[in-house]
Amino acid sequence: MTLAAKKVVIDPNQVDREAVADLLEAVAQHQDKSAFATLFEFYAPRVKSYLLRLGCDDGTAEELAQEVMLTVWRKAATFDRRQASVSTWLFTIARNRRIDVIRRTKRPEFDPEDPLLVPDPEPAPDESINMAQREARLHQAIVELPEEQAELLKMAFFSGKSHGEIAEETGIPLGTVKSRLRLAFGRLRKILDGNV
């Protein structure tokens, strides 16, 4: 006699783990609607209560309980009674669904108008020319620096090294590195201002 032929009722006061596992296996093996109805009747309200205790609002808890039970119908074949009880398996699914909801709500929606995502506007043609001229003047000013100052400047700004790293790499005392960089800035300023 199949489970569908006999109506099984789960006693909430004394749940027979083996009988409940048999119901779930009947769902897995034969898509037994009667067995699923029994499981749904017993577990859906308990899953909803569990989700409410986890902080879901009533509507979300109801929706997630439905999703959990639908997952039970679809994934019944993945249940292994040697690994866990039906209730442990079911409440794990419910907890994971709740975590998925939290992740979805905490992940902000993509906003194409977010200033961080909008590219900078193209500079006006005259601004592009001015910028190119400034860069050329800066490059020429660096070339005009004494070599020891130019090298330290390149290490500091183009390679992004700290004063301490420059001192360590070059073997130049830290104070000398700072002095040479200070002199380089002063000289650059004079060159760019046209005072040299």
Protein backbone atom coordinates (compact mmCIF):
# COMPACT_ATOMS: atom_id res chain seq x y z
CA MET A 1 0.00 0.00 0.00
CA THR A 2 1.47 3.39 -1.02
CA LEU A 3 1.43 6.47 1.19
CA ALA A 4 -1.10 8.03 -1.18
CA ALA A 5 -3.50 5.18 -0.46
CA LYS A 6 -3.44 5.83 3.28
CA LYS A 7 -3.82 9.26 4.87
CA VAL A 8 -0.91 9.95 7.21
CA VAL A 9 -1.34 12.54 9.94
CA ILE A 10 1.65 14.04 11.72
CA ASP A 11 1.06 14.29 15.46
CA PRO A 12 2.53 17.65 16.59
CA ASN A 13 3.06 16.27 20.10
CA GLN A 14 5.07 13.28 18.96
CA VAL A 15 6.55 13.61 15.48
CA ASP A 16 7.64 10.26 14.08
CA ARG A 17 10.88 11.21 12.27
CA GLU A 18 10.91 8.03 10.19
CA ALA A 19 7.29 8.44 9.07
CA VAL A 20 7.94 12.07 8.08
CA ALA A 21 11.08 11.01 6.19
CA ASP A 22 8.97 8.33 4.44
CA LEU A 23 6.53 11.06 3.36
CA LEU A 24 9.34 13.17 1.91
CA GLU A 25 10.81 10.17 0.11
CA ALA A 26 7.36 9.44 -1.36
CA VAL A 27 7.35 12.99 -2.70
CA ALA A 28 10.86 12.49 -4.12
CA GLN A 29 10.24 9.12 -5.71
CA HIS A 30 6.60 9.28 -6.82
CA GLN A 31 5.64 13.01 -6.68
CA ASP A 32 3.08 11.83 -4.10
CA LYS A 33 0.70 14.80 -3.76
CA SER A 34 -1.00 13.37 -0.70
CA ALA A 35 2.34 12.99 1.11
CA PHE A 36 3.27 16.53 0.10
CA ALA A 37 -0.09 17.86 1.30
CA THR A 38 0.54 16.26 4.69
CA LEU A 39 4.01 17.77 4.90
CA PHE A 40 2.71 21.16 3.75
CA GLU A 41 -0.14 21.13 6.25
CA PHE A 42 2.22 20.39 9.12
CA TYR A 43 5.36 22.36 8.19
CA ALA A 44 4.16 25.48 6.31
CA PRO A 45 2.74 27.19 9.45
CA ARG A 46 5.82 26.21 11.46
CA VAL A 47 8.18 27.56 8.80
CA LYS A 48 6.19 30.80 8.72
CA SER A 49 6.42 31.11 12.52
CA TYR A 50 10.14 30.44 12.37
CA LEU A 51 10.60 33.17 9.75
CA LEU A 52 8.56 35.59 11.85
CA ARG A 53 10.88 34.89 14.79
CA LEU A 54 13.83 35.63 12.49
CA GLY A 55 12.39 39.11 11.92
CA CYS A 56 10.38 38.77 8.71
CA ASP A 57 7.17 40.73 8.41
CA ASP A 58 3.99 38.69 7.98
CA GLY A 59 3.81 39.04 4.19
CA THR A 60 7.45 38.13 3.66
CA ALA A 61 7.21 35.19 6.08
CA GLU A 62 4.15 33.87 4.22
CA GLU A 63 5.85 34.26 0.84
CA LEU A 64 9.06 32.62 2.01
CA ALA A 65 7.17 29.75 3.63
CA GLN A 66 5.50 29.13 0.26
CA GLU A 67 8.90 29.24 -1.48
CA VAL A 68 10.35 26.81 1.06
CA MET A 69 7.55 24.35 0.54
CA LEU A 70 7.88 24.68 -3.23
CA THR A 71 11.58 23.93 -2.83
CA VAL A 72 10.64 20.86 -0.79
CA TRP A 73 8.47 19.65 -3.68
CA ARG A 74 11.17 20.33 -6.29
CA LYS A 75 14.23 19.21 -4.33
CA ALA A 76 12.81 16.33 -2.30
CA ALA A 77 15.21 13.96 -4.05
CA THR A 78 18.17 15.77 -2.46
CA PHE A 79 16.98 14.93 1.05
CA ASP A 80 19.02 12.24 2.80
CA ARG A 81 17.56 10.93 6.04
CA ARG A 82 21.02 9.78 7.14
CA GLN A 83 22.28 13.38 7.04
CA ALA A 84 19.43 15.19 8.86
CA SER A 85 15.83 15.04 9.90
CA VAL A 86 13.14 16.46 7.63
CA SER A 87 12.57 19.40 9.98
CA THR A 88 16.30 20.24 10.11
CA TRP A 89 16.50 20.10 6.32
CA LEU A 90 13.37 22.21 5.92
CA PHE A 91 14.33 24.89 8.46
CA THR A 92 17.79 25.11 6.90
CA ILE A 93 16.14 25.88 3.57
CA ALA A 94 14.00 28.52 5.31
CA ARG A 95 17.00 30.12 7.00
CA ASN A 96 18.90 30.24 3.70
CA ARG A 97 15.91 31.83 1.95
CA ARG A 98 15.79 34.47 4.70
CA ILE A 99 19.51 35.19 4.24
CA ASP A 100 18.93 35.57 0.48
CA VAL A 101 16.20 38.14 1.16
CA ILE A 102 18.47 40.09 3.52
CA ARG A 103 21.25 40.12 0.92
CA ARG A 104 18.89 41.33 -1.79
CA THR A 105 17.53 44.15 0.37
CA LYS A 106 20.96 45.25 1.60
CA ARG A 107 22.42 45.35 -1.90
CA PRO A 108 21.51 48.72 -3.35
CA GLU A 109 19.92 48.90 -6.74
CA PHE A 110 22.15 50.01 -9.57
CA ASP A 111 21.62 53.72 -10.19
CA PRO A 112 22.93 54.75 -13.61
CA GLU A 113 22.73 58.40 -12.52
CA ASP A 114 25.09 57.88 -9.57
CA PRO A 115 27.82 60.53 -9.90
CA LEU A 116 30.48 57.89 -9.28
CA LEU A 117 29.28 55.96 -12.33
CA VAL A 118 28.77 58.88 -14.69
CA PRO A 119 31.90 59.67 -16.69
CA ASP A 120 33.34 63.14 -16.49
CA PRO A 121 32.18 65.35 -19.31
CA GLU A 122 34.62 65.84 -22.16
CA PRO A 123 36.63 68.99 -21.57
CA ALA A 124 35.97 71.90 -23.89
CA PRO A 125 38.44 72.13 -26.80
CA ASP A 126 40.13 75.22 -25.36
CA GLU A 127 40.44 73.49 -21.96
CA SER A 128 42.05 70.47 -23.65
CA ILE A 129 44.58 72.75 -25.34
CA ASN A 130 45.31 74.55 -22.04
CA MET A 131 45.77 71.24 -20.24
CA ALA A 132 48.12 69.94 -22.93
CA GLN A 133 50.14 73.15 -22.74
CA ARG A 134 50.38 72.92 -18.92
CA GLU A 135 51.52 69.29 -19.17
CA ALA A 136 54.16 70.21 -21.75
CA ARG A 137 55.41 73.07 -19.55
CA LEU A 138 55.51 70.76 -16.53
CA HIS A 139 57.42 68.10 -18.47
CA GLN A 140 59.90 70.72 -19.71
CA ALA A 141 60.24 72.13 -16.17
CA ILE A 142 61.09 68.65 -14.82
CA VAL A 143 63.70 68.24 -17.56
CA GLU A 144 65.29 71.56 -16.50
CA LEU A 145 65.63 70.40 -12.86
CA PRO A 146 68.98 69.12 -11.64
CA GLU A 147 69.08 65.36 -12.24
CA GLU A 148 69.13 64.37 -8.52
CA GLN A 149 65.98 66.47 -7.89
CA ALA A 150 64.20 65.21 -11.03
CA GLU A 151 64.85 61.55 -10.10
CA LEU A 152 63.51 62.00 -6.57
CA LEU A 153 60.47 63.87 -7.92
CA LYS A 154 59.73 61.05 -10.37
CA MET A 155 60.07 58.45 -7.61
CA ALA A 156 57.76 60.40 -5.29
CA PHE A 157 55.00 61.29 -7.73
CA PHE A 158 55.15 59.00 -10.71
CA SER A 159 56.07 55.87 -8.76
CA GLY A 160 54.10 56.86 -5.64
CA LYS A 161 56.92 56.12 -3.20
CA SER A 162 57.10 57.63 0.26
CA HIS A 163 60.07 59.75 1.35
CA GLY A 164 61.23 56.87 3.54
CA GLU A 165 61.07 54.38 0.65
CA ILE A 166 63.04 56.77 -1.57
CA ALA A 167 65.70 57.21 1.12
CA GLU A 168 65.96 53.45 1.57
CA GLU A 169 66.19 52.71 -2.17
CA THR A 170 68.67 55.45 -3.02
CA GLY A 171 70.74 55.32 0.16
CA ILE A 172 70.26 59.08 0.55
CA PRO A 173 69.47 60.28 4.10
CA LEU A 174 65.78 61.02 4.67
CA GLY A 175 66.44 64.68 5.48
CA THR A 176 68.34 65.09 2.20
CA VAL A 177 65.47 63.48 0.26
CA LYS A 178 63.01 65.93 1.82
CA SER A 179 65.32 68.92 1.16
CA ARG A 180 65.86 67.97 -2.48
CA LEU A 181 62.13 67.51 -3.03
CA ARG A 182 61.41 70.87 -1.40
CA LEU A 183 64.04 72.52 -3.65
CA ALA A 184 62.57 70.73 -6.69
CA PHE A 185 59.09 72.08 -5.92
CA GLY A 186 60.40 75.58 -5.46
CA ARG A 187 62.32 75.42 -8.73
CA LEU A 188 59.32 73.94 -10.58
CA ARG A 189 57.11 76.73 -9.28
CA LYS A 190 59.57 79.36 -10.51
CA ILE A 191 59.93 77.69 -13.91
CA LEU A 192 56.15 77.34 -14.37
CA ASP A 193 55.56 80.94 -13.25
CA GLY A 194 58.17 82.09 -15.77
CA ASN A 195 60.52 83.58 -13.14
CA VAL A 196 63.62 81.68 -14.25
